[in-house]
Amino acid sequence: MDGLTHFDNEGRAKMVDVTDKPITSRVAIASGKVVMKPETIRLVKDRALSKGDVLAVARVAAITGAKHTPFLIPMCHPLNITSVTIDFSINEELCCIDILATVKIIGQTGVEMEALTAATVAALTIYDMCKAVDKQMVIKDVMLLEKHGGRGGNYKREN
């Protein structure tokens, strides 16, 4: 199981032991998007859906999702997250909402999974809020864009 940190020598799943890792500042940035019909984009932009302000609800859901990551992903450590920022960009030309999730911590392990979870939960919430008017929406391109800090150093996705 060379290179896979969540398995022991016998191939059994395990939580990574971070006991001896130094406490450092760590940041992860993830993105995703929801593609939808032009009329759905307009409804979101105008806050005209009957369920309310789609992006406000998605922002709160994403923050909650980041904080609850260890309950969803079994080998994630419970973390004392110091910051979660969710940004949305409405792209009318491409008929999509771009999501950017930034998660920060001062701790012994990274926050990549928390950032990815935040972006995914934001996308799922947008879908849930808009599905009454557009069941053809597509959630796509959820990915880690950057990470900073920790033993693994920095990472930035290349285009």
N, C-alpha and C. Protein backbone atom coordinates (compact mmCIF):
# COMPACT_ATOMS: atom_id res chain seq x y z
N MET A 1 0.83 -1.20 0.00
CA MET A 1 0.00 0.00 0.00
C MET A 1 0.87 1.26 0.00
N ASP A 2 1.99 1.20 -0.70
CA ASP A 2 2.91 2.33 -0.74
C ASP A 2 2.20 3.61 -1.18
N GLY A 3 2.43 4.68 -0.41
CA GLY A 3 1.88 5.98 -0.75
C GLY A 3 0.48 6.23 -0.23
N LEU A 4 -0.27 5.20 0.08
CA LEU A 4 -1.62 5.39 0.61
C LEU A 4 -1.53 5.43 2.13
N THR A 5 -1.88 6.57 2.71
CA THR A 5 -1.67 6.77 4.14
C THR A 5 -2.79 6.22 5.01
N HIS A 6 -3.90 5.87 4.44
CA HIS A 6 -5.04 5.41 5.23
C HIS A 6 -5.14 3.89 5.32
N PHE A 7 -4.01 3.20 5.08
CA PHE A 7 -3.96 1.75 5.21
C PHE A 7 -2.73 1.36 6.02
N ASP A 8 -2.88 0.34 6.87
CA ASP A 8 -1.72 -0.15 7.60
C ASP A 8 -0.97 -1.17 6.76
N ASN A 9 0.06 -1.80 7.32
CA ASN A 9 0.89 -2.75 6.57
C ASN A 9 0.13 -3.97 6.09
N GLU A 10 -0.98 -4.29 6.76
CA GLU A 10 -1.79 -5.44 6.35
C GLU A 10 -2.93 -5.05 5.40
N GLY A 11 -2.98 -3.77 5.02
CA GLY A 11 -4.01 -3.32 4.10
C GLY A 11 -5.33 -2.94 4.75
N ARG A 12 -5.33 -2.82 6.07
CA ARG A 12 -6.55 -2.44 6.78
C ARG A 12 -6.66 -0.92 6.85
N ALA A 13 -7.89 -0.43 6.74
CA ALA A 13 -8.13 1.01 6.82
C ALA A 13 -7.75 1.53 8.21
N LYS A 14 -7.17 2.74 8.24
CA LYS A 14 -6.80 3.36 9.51
C LYS A 14 -6.86 4.87 9.37
N MET A 15 -7.03 5.52 10.50
CA MET A 15 -6.93 6.97 10.55
C MET A 15 -5.44 7.30 10.70
N VAL A 16 -4.94 8.26 9.96
CA VAL A 16 -3.54 8.64 10.03
C VAL A 16 -3.25 9.22 11.41
N ASP A 17 -2.14 8.80 12.01
CA ASP A 17 -1.72 9.31 13.32
C ASP A 17 -0.99 10.63 13.12
N VAL A 18 -1.57 11.72 13.61
CA VAL A 18 -0.96 13.04 13.46
C VAL A 18 -0.37 13.55 14.77
N THR A 19 -0.25 12.66 15.75
CA THR A 19 0.21 13.04 17.08
C THR A 19 1.51 13.83 17.05
N ASP A 20 2.48 13.39 16.27
CA ASP A 20 3.80 14.02 16.26
C ASP A 20 3.98 15.08 15.19
N LYS A 21 2.93 15.38 14.45
CA LYS A 21 3.05 16.40 13.42
C LYS A 21 2.99 17.78 14.06
N PRO A 22 3.76 18.72 13.55
CA PRO A 22 3.73 20.08 14.12
C PRO A 22 2.42 20.80 13.82
N ILE A 23 2.06 21.68 14.69
CA ILE A 23 0.89 22.54 14.48
C ILE A 23 1.32 23.69 13.58
N THR A 24 0.67 23.79 12.43
CA THR A 24 0.99 24.84 11.46
C THR A 24 -0.30 25.43 10.89
N SER A 25 -0.15 26.55 10.25
CA SER A 25 -1.27 27.18 9.54
C SER A 25 -1.47 26.44 8.22
N ARG A 26 -2.71 26.10 7.93
CA ARG A 26 -3.03 25.36 6.70
C ARG A 26 -4.26 25.98 6.03
N VAL A 27 -4.25 25.96 4.72
CA VAL A 27 -5.35 26.50 3.92
C VAL A 27 -5.60 25.56 2.75
N ALA A 28 -6.86 25.36 2.42
CA ALA A 28 -7.22 24.62 1.21
C ALA A 28 -8.31 25.38 0.48
N ILE A 29 -8.21 25.39 -0.84
CA ILE A 29 -9.20 26.06 -1.69
C ILE A 29 -9.72 25.04 -2.70
N ALA A 30 -11.03 24.90 -2.75
CA ALA A 30 -11.67 23.98 -3.68
C ALA A 30 -12.73 24.73 -4.48
N SER A 31 -13.08 24.16 -5.62
CA SER A 31 -14.09 24.79 -6.46
C SER A 31 -15.06 23.76 -7.00
N GLY A 32 -16.13 24.25 -7.56
CA GLY A 32 -17.12 23.43 -8.23
C GLY A 32 -18.04 24.34 -9.00
N LYS A 33 -18.97 23.74 -9.73
CA LYS A 33 -19.92 24.58 -10.46
C LYS A 33 -21.22 23.83 -10.65
N VAL A 34 -22.28 24.61 -10.82
CA VAL A 34 -23.59 24.08 -11.14
C VAL A 34 -24.03 24.73 -12.44
N VAL A 35 -24.24 23.90 -13.46
CA VAL A 35 -24.69 24.39 -14.76
C VAL A 35 -26.21 24.28 -14.79
N MET A 36 -26.86 25.32 -15.29
CA MET A 36 -28.33 25.35 -15.29
C MET A 36 -28.85 26.15 -16.48
N LYS A 37 -30.16 26.10 -16.65
CA LYS A 37 -30.80 26.83 -17.74
C LYS A 37 -30.66 28.34 -17.51
N PRO A 38 -30.66 29.12 -18.60
CA PRO A 38 -30.55 30.57 -18.45
C PRO A 38 -31.66 31.16 -17.56
N GLU A 39 -32.87 30.63 -17.69
CA GLU A 39 -33.95 31.17 -16.86
C GLU A 39 -33.75 30.86 -15.38
N THR A 40 -33.11 29.74 -15.08
CA THR A 40 -32.82 29.41 -13.69
C THR A 40 -31.76 30.35 -13.13
N ILE A 41 -30.76 30.64 -13.93
CA ILE A 41 -29.73 31.62 -13.53
C ILE A 41 -30.38 32.95 -13.18
N ARG A 42 -31.31 33.38 -14.01
CA ARG A 42 -31.99 34.66 -13.76
C ARG A 42 -32.78 34.63 -12.45
N LEU A 43 -33.47 33.51 -12.21
CA LEU A 43 -34.22 33.39 -10.96
C LEU A 43 -33.30 33.45 -9.74
N VAL A 44 -32.15 32.79 -9.83
CA VAL A 44 -31.19 32.83 -8.72
C VAL A 44 -30.67 34.25 -8.54
N LYS A 45 -30.27 34.86 -9.64
CA LYS A 45 -29.72 36.22 -9.60
C LYS A 45 -30.72 37.22 -9.03
N ASP A 46 -31.97 37.08 -9.42
CA ASP A 46 -33.02 38.00 -8.96
C ASP A 46 -33.61 37.62 -7.61
N ARG A 47 -33.12 36.53 -7.02
CA ARG A 47 -33.64 36.01 -5.74
C ARG A 47 -35.15 35.80 -5.83
N ALA A 48 -35.56 35.21 -6.95
CA ALA A 48 -36.99 35.09 -7.23
C ALA A 48 -37.54 33.68 -7.04
N LEU A 49 -36.75 32.76 -6.52
CA LEU A 49 -37.25 31.40 -6.26
C LEU A 49 -38.05 31.39 -4.97
N SER A 50 -39.08 30.58 -4.95
CA SER A 50 -39.98 30.56 -3.78
C SER A 50 -39.29 30.08 -2.50
N LYS A 51 -38.20 29.31 -2.63
CA LYS A 51 -37.50 28.82 -1.44
C LYS A 51 -36.61 29.88 -0.80
N GLY A 52 -36.41 31.01 -1.47
CA GLY A 52 -35.62 32.08 -0.89
C GLY A 52 -34.32 32.35 -1.64
N ASP A 53 -33.39 32.99 -0.94
CA ASP A 53 -32.11 33.40 -1.50
C ASP A 53 -31.21 32.16 -1.60
N VAL A 54 -31.09 31.64 -2.81
CA VAL A 54 -30.38 30.38 -3.06
C VAL A 54 -28.94 30.45 -2.58
N LEU A 55 -28.24 31.50 -2.92
CA LEU A 55 -26.81 31.57 -2.59
C LEU A 55 -26.57 31.79 -1.10
N ALA A 56 -27.45 32.50 -0.44
CA ALA A 56 -27.31 32.67 1.02
C ALA A 56 -27.48 31.34 1.73
N VAL A 57 -28.46 30.57 1.32
CA VAL A 57 -28.68 29.25 1.92
C VAL A 57 -27.52 28.32 1.59
N ALA A 58 -27.04 28.35 0.35
CA ALA A 58 -25.93 27.49 -0.05
C ALA A 58 -24.65 27.84 0.71
N ARG A 59 -24.45 29.12 0.99
CA ARG A 59 -23.27 29.55 1.76
C ARG A 59 -23.30 28.96 3.17
N VAL A 60 -24.44 29.06 3.83
CA VAL A 60 -24.57 28.52 5.19
C VAL A 60 -24.42 27.00 5.17
N ALA A 61 -25.02 26.35 4.19
CA ALA A 61 -24.91 24.89 4.07
C ALA A 61 -23.46 24.47 3.85
N ALA A 62 -22.73 25.19 3.03
CA ALA A 62 -21.33 24.86 2.75
C ALA A 62 -20.48 24.99 4.01
N ILE A 63 -20.69 26.03 4.77
CA ILE A 63 -19.95 26.21 6.02
C ILE A 63 -20.26 25.06 6.97
N THR A 64 -21.53 24.72 7.08
CA THR A 64 -21.93 23.58 7.92
C THR A 64 -21.31 22.29 7.41
N GLY A 65 -21.30 22.10 6.11
CA GLY A 65 -20.70 20.91 5.52
C GLY A 65 -19.22 20.78 5.85
N ALA A 66 -18.49 21.88 5.75
CA ALA A 66 -17.05 21.86 6.08
C ALA A 66 -16.85 21.43 7.53
N LYS A 67 -17.67 21.96 8.42
CA LYS A 67 -17.54 21.64 9.85
C LYS A 67 -17.94 20.21 10.17
N HIS A 68 -18.75 19.60 9.32
CA HIS A 68 -19.22 18.23 9.57
C HIS A 68 -18.50 17.17 8.73
N THR A 69 -17.44 17.54 8.06
CA THR A 69 -16.72 16.60 7.18
C THR A 69 -16.35 15.29 7.87
N PRO A 70 -15.83 15.29 9.11
CA PRO A 70 -15.44 14.00 9.71
C PRO A 70 -16.62 13.06 9.98
N PHE A 71 -17.82 13.58 9.95
CA PHE A 71 -19.01 12.73 10.12
C PHE A 71 -19.40 12.07 8.79
N LEU A 72 -18.90 12.61 7.69
CA LEU A 72 -19.21 12.10 6.36
C LEU A 72 -18.09 11.26 5.76
N ILE A 73 -16.87 11.65 6.01
CA ILE A 73 -15.69 10.98 5.46
C ILE A 73 -14.99 10.28 6.63
N PRO A 74 -15.05 8.97 6.69
CA PRO A 74 -14.68 8.23 7.90
C PRO A 74 -13.27 8.46 8.43
N MET A 75 -12.29 8.69 7.60
CA MET A 75 -10.91 8.80 8.09
C MET A 75 -10.47 10.25 8.34
N CYS A 76 -11.38 11.21 8.18
CA CYS A 76 -11.04 12.60 8.45
C CYS A 76 -11.02 12.86 9.95
N HIS A 77 -10.06 13.66 10.37
CA HIS A 77 -9.96 14.04 11.78
C HIS A 77 -10.95 15.15 12.09
N PRO A 78 -11.56 15.14 13.26
CA PRO A 78 -12.35 16.30 13.68
C PRO A 78 -11.40 17.49 13.86
N LEU A 79 -11.74 18.61 13.27
CA LEU A 79 -10.84 19.75 13.27
C LEU A 79 -11.49 20.98 13.87
N ASN A 80 -10.65 21.83 14.42
CA ASN A 80 -11.11 23.12 14.93
C ASN A 80 -10.86 24.16 13.83
N ILE A 81 -11.76 24.18 12.87
CA ILE A 81 -11.63 25.06 11.70
C ILE A 81 -11.68 26.51 12.17
N THR A 82 -10.76 27.32 11.64
CA THR A 82 -10.72 28.73 12.04
C THR A 82 -11.45 29.65 11.07
N SER A 83 -11.65 29.19 9.82
CA SER A 83 -12.34 30.05 8.85
C SER A 83 -12.85 29.21 7.68
N VAL A 84 -14.07 29.54 7.25
CA VAL A 84 -14.62 28.99 6.01
C VAL A 84 -15.20 30.16 5.23
N THR A 85 -14.74 30.32 4.01
CA THR A 85 -15.25 31.38 3.14
C THR A 85 -15.80 30.73 1.87
N ILE A 86 -17.01 31.10 1.52
CA ILE A 86 -17.65 30.58 0.31
C ILE A 86 -17.98 31.75 -0.60
N ASP A 87 -17.48 31.69 -1.82
CA ASP A 87 -17.77 32.74 -2.80
C ASP A 87 -18.47 32.12 -4.00
N PHE A 88 -19.40 32.87 -4.55
CA PHE A 88 -20.15 32.44 -5.73
C PHE A 88 -19.95 33.46 -6.85
N SER A 89 -19.87 32.97 -8.07
CA SER A 89 -19.86 33.82 -9.27
C SER A 89 -20.93 33.31 -10.20
N ILE A 90 -21.84 34.18 -10.55
CA ILE A 90 -22.87 33.81 -11.53
C ILE A 90 -22.33 34.14 -12.91
N ASN A 91 -22.23 33.11 -13.74
CA ASN A 91 -21.72 33.27 -15.10
C ASN A 91 -22.90 33.07 -16.06
N GLU A 92 -23.50 34.19 -16.44
CA GLU A 92 -24.68 34.11 -17.31
C GLU A 92 -24.33 33.60 -18.70
N GLU A 93 -23.14 33.91 -19.17
CA GLU A 93 -22.72 33.48 -20.50
C GLU A 93 -22.63 31.95 -20.59
N LEU A 94 -22.06 31.33 -19.56
CA LEU A 94 -21.91 29.86 -19.54
C LEU A 94 -23.05 29.17 -18.78
N CYS A 95 -24.01 29.95 -18.30
CA CYS A 95 -25.17 29.43 -17.56
C CYS A 95 -24.74 28.55 -16.39
N CYS A 96 -23.88 29.09 -15.55
CA CYS A 96 -23.46 28.31 -14.39
C CYS A 96 -23.17 29.23 -13.21
N ILE A 97 -23.14 28.60 -12.05
CA ILE A 97 -22.71 29.27 -10.83
C ILE A 97 -21.41 28.61 -10.42
N ASP A 98 -20.35 29.40 -10.34
CA ASP A 98 -19.05 28.91 -9.90
C ASP A 98 -18.97 29.07 -8.38
N ILE A 99 -18.40 28.06 -7.75
CA ILE A 99 -18.29 28.01 -6.29
C ILE A 99 -16.81 27.97 -5.93
N LEU A 100 -16.42 28.76 -4.95
CA LEU A 100 -15.06 28.75 -4.44
C LEU A 100 -15.12 28.65 -2.92
N ALA A 101 -14.54 27.59 -2.37
CA ALA A 101 -14.55 27.35 -0.93
C ALA A 101 -13.12 27.42 -0.40
N THR A 102 -12.90 28.26 0.60
CA THR A 102 -11.60 28.38 1.23
C THR A 102 -11.75 28.03 2.71
N VAL A 103 -10.94 27.08 3.17
CA VAL A 103 -11.01 26.63 4.56
C VAL A 103 -9.63 26.79 5.17
N LYS A 104 -9.59 27.32 6.41
CA LYS A 104 -8.33 27.55 7.11
C LYS A 104 -8.36 26.87 8.48
N ILE A 105 -7.16 26.54 8.94
CA ILE A 105 -7.00 25.91 10.25
C ILE A 105 -5.57 26.17 10.73
N ILE A 106 -5.40 26.13 12.02
CA ILE A 106 -4.08 26.02 12.62
C ILE A 106 -4.12 24.67 13.32
N GLY A 107 -3.40 23.70 12.75
CA GLY A 107 -3.51 22.35 13.30
C GLY A 107 -2.47 21.41 12.76
N GLN A 108 -2.71 20.12 12.97
CA GLN A 108 -1.75 19.07 12.63
C GLN A 108 -2.09 18.31 11.35
N THR A 109 -3.19 18.67 10.72
CA THR A 109 -3.57 18.00 9.49
C THR A 109 -4.27 18.99 8.57
N GLY A 110 -4.31 18.67 7.29
CA GLY A 110 -4.83 19.59 6.29
C GLY A 110 -6.34 19.66 6.24
N VAL A 111 -6.82 20.59 5.45
CA VAL A 111 -8.27 20.85 5.34
C VAL A 111 -8.77 20.70 3.90
N GLU A 112 -8.06 19.88 3.11
CA GLU A 112 -8.50 19.67 1.73
C GLU A 112 -9.90 19.07 1.66
N MET A 113 -10.14 18.05 2.48
CA MET A 113 -11.44 17.38 2.45
C MET A 113 -12.55 18.32 2.90
N GLU A 114 -12.26 19.20 3.83
CA GLU A 114 -13.26 20.16 4.30
C GLU A 114 -13.60 21.16 3.20
N ALA A 115 -12.59 21.61 2.46
CA ALA A 115 -12.84 22.54 1.35
C ALA A 115 -13.63 21.85 0.23
N LEU A 116 -13.26 20.62 -0.09
CA LEU A 116 -13.99 19.87 -1.11
C LEU A 116 -15.43 19.60 -0.68
N THR A 117 -15.61 19.27 0.59
CA THR A 117 -16.97 19.04 1.11
C THR A 117 -17.79 20.32 1.05
N ALA A 118 -17.18 21.44 1.43
CA ALA A 118 -17.90 22.72 1.38
C ALA A 118 -18.36 23.04 -0.04
N ALA A 119 -17.47 22.87 -1.02
CA ALA A 119 -17.84 23.16 -2.41
C ALA A 119 -18.96 22.23 -2.88
N THR A 120 -18.86 20.97 -2.50
CA THR A 120 -19.87 19.99 -2.91
C THR A 120 -21.22 20.26 -2.26
N VAL A 121 -21.21 20.56 -0.98
CA VAL A 121 -22.47 20.84 -0.28
C VAL A 121 -23.11 22.12 -0.82
N ALA A 122 -22.30 23.10 -1.16
CA ALA A 122 -22.85 24.32 -1.78
C ALA A 122 -23.55 23.96 -3.09
N ALA A 123 -22.90 23.14 -3.91
CA ALA A 123 -23.48 22.74 -5.20
C ALA A 123 -24.78 21.94 -4.99
N LEU A 124 -24.75 21.01 -4.05
CA LEU A 124 -25.96 20.21 -3.78
C LEU A 124 -27.10 21.08 -3.27
N THR A 125 -26.77 22.08 -2.48
CA THR A 125 -27.82 22.98 -1.96
C THR A 125 -28.40 23.83 -3.07
N ILE A 126 -27.55 24.32 -3.96
CA ILE A 126 -28.06 25.07 -5.12
C ILE A 126 -29.01 24.18 -5.92
N TYR A 127 -28.59 22.94 -6.15
CA TYR A 127 -29.46 22.01 -6.87
C TYR A 127 -30.79 21.85 -6.15
N ASP A 128 -30.74 21.61 -4.85
CA ASP A 128 -31.96 21.41 -4.06
C ASP A 128 -32.88 22.63 -4.13
N MET A 129 -32.30 23.80 -4.04
CA MET A 129 -33.10 25.02 -4.03
C MET A 129 -33.74 25.31 -5.40
N CYS A 130 -33.11 24.81 -6.47
CA CYS A 130 -33.57 25.13 -7.83
C CYS A 130 -34.25 23.98 -8.55
N LYS A 131 -34.29 22.80 -7.97
CA LYS A 131 -34.75 21.61 -8.70
C LYS A 131 -36.22 21.69 -9.10
N ALA A 132 -37.01 22.49 -8.43
CA ALA A 132 -38.42 22.62 -8.81
C ALA A 132 -38.58 23.25 -10.19
N VAL A 133 -37.59 24.06 -10.60
CA VAL A 133 -37.70 24.73 -11.90
C VAL A 133 -36.71 24.21 -12.93
N ASP A 134 -35.73 23.37 -12.48
CA ASP A 134 -34.70 22.91 -13.42
C ASP A 134 -34.07 21.61 -12.92
N LYS A 135 -34.63 20.50 -13.35
CA LYS A 135 -34.09 19.21 -12.94
C LYS A 135 -32.90 18.77 -13.80
N GLN A 136 -32.58 19.54 -14.84
CA GLN A 136 -31.47 19.19 -15.72
C GLN A 136 -30.14 19.80 -15.29
N MET A 137 -30.10 20.44 -14.15
CA MET A 137 -28.84 21.02 -13.68
C MET A 137 -27.76 19.94 -13.58
N VAL A 138 -26.53 20.38 -13.74
CA VAL A 138 -25.39 19.46 -13.64
C VAL A 138 -24.38 20.04 -12.65
N ILE A 139 -23.99 19.22 -11.70
CA ILE A 139 -22.92 19.58 -10.77
C ILE A 139 -21.63 19.01 -11.37
N LYS A 140 -20.61 19.86 -11.49
CA LYS A 140 -19.39 19.37 -12.14
C LYS A 140 -18.16 20.10 -11.64
N ASP A 141 -17.04 19.53 -12.01
CA ASP A 141 -15.73 20.15 -11.80
C ASP A 141 -15.41 20.47 -10.34
N VAL A 142 -15.83 19.61 -9.41
CA VAL A 142 -15.43 19.77 -8.01
C VAL A 142 -13.98 19.32 -7.92
N MET A 143 -13.12 20.21 -7.42
CA MET A 143 -11.69 19.89 -7.39
C MET A 143 -10.94 20.76 -6.39
N LEU A 144 -9.81 20.23 -5.94
CA LEU A 144 -8.89 21.01 -5.11
C LEU A 144 -8.09 21.92 -6.02
N LEU A 145 -8.08 23.21 -5.71
CA LEU A 145 -7.31 24.17 -6.50
C LEU A 145 -5.95 24.45 -5.88
N GLU A 146 -5.95 24.58 -4.54
CA GLU A 146 -4.71 24.91 -3.84
C GLU A 146 -4.74 24.35 -2.43
N LYS A 147 -3.56 24.11 -1.89
CA LYS A 147 -3.39 23.84 -0.47
C LYS A 147 -2.07 24.44 -0.04
N HIS A 148 -2.04 24.93 1.17
CA HIS A 148 -0.83 25.55 1.72
C HIS A 148 -0.61 25.03 3.12
N GLY A 149 0.66 24.77 3.44
CA GLY A 149 1.03 24.36 4.78
C GLY A 149 1.16 22.86 4.94
N GLY A 150 1.71 22.48 6.06
CA GLY A 150 1.86 21.07 6.38
C GLY A 150 3.10 20.45 5.78
N ARG A 151 3.32 19.19 6.13
CA ARG A 151 4.51 18.46 5.68
C ARG A 151 4.55 18.32 4.16
N GLY A 152 3.37 18.20 3.53
CA GLY A 152 3.32 18.04 2.08
C GLY A 152 3.61 19.32 1.31
N GLY A 153 3.72 20.43 2.02
CA GLY A 153 4.02 21.70 1.36
C GLY A 153 2.83 22.27 0.62
N ASN A 154 3.14 23.08 -0.35
CA ASN A 154 2.11 23.78 -1.11
C ASN A 154 1.78 23.03 -2.40
N TYR A 155 0.53 23.20 -2.82
CA TYR A 155 0.06 22.60 -4.08
C TYR A 155 -0.81 23.64 -4.77
N LYS A 156 -0.63 23.77 -6.05
CA LYS A 156 -1.51 24.61 -6.86
C LYS A 156 -1.81 23.87 -8.15
N ARG A 157 -3.11 23.68 -8.43
CA ARG A 157 -3.53 22.97 -9.64
C ARG A 157 -3.07 23.75 -10.87
N GLU A 158 -2.53 22.99 -11.80
CA GLU A 158 -2.15 23.58 -13.08
C GLU A 158 -3.32 23.43 -14.05
N ASN A 159 -3.53 24.42 -14.90
CA ASN A 159 -4.64 24.35 -15.85
C ASN A 159 -4.40 23.33 -16.88
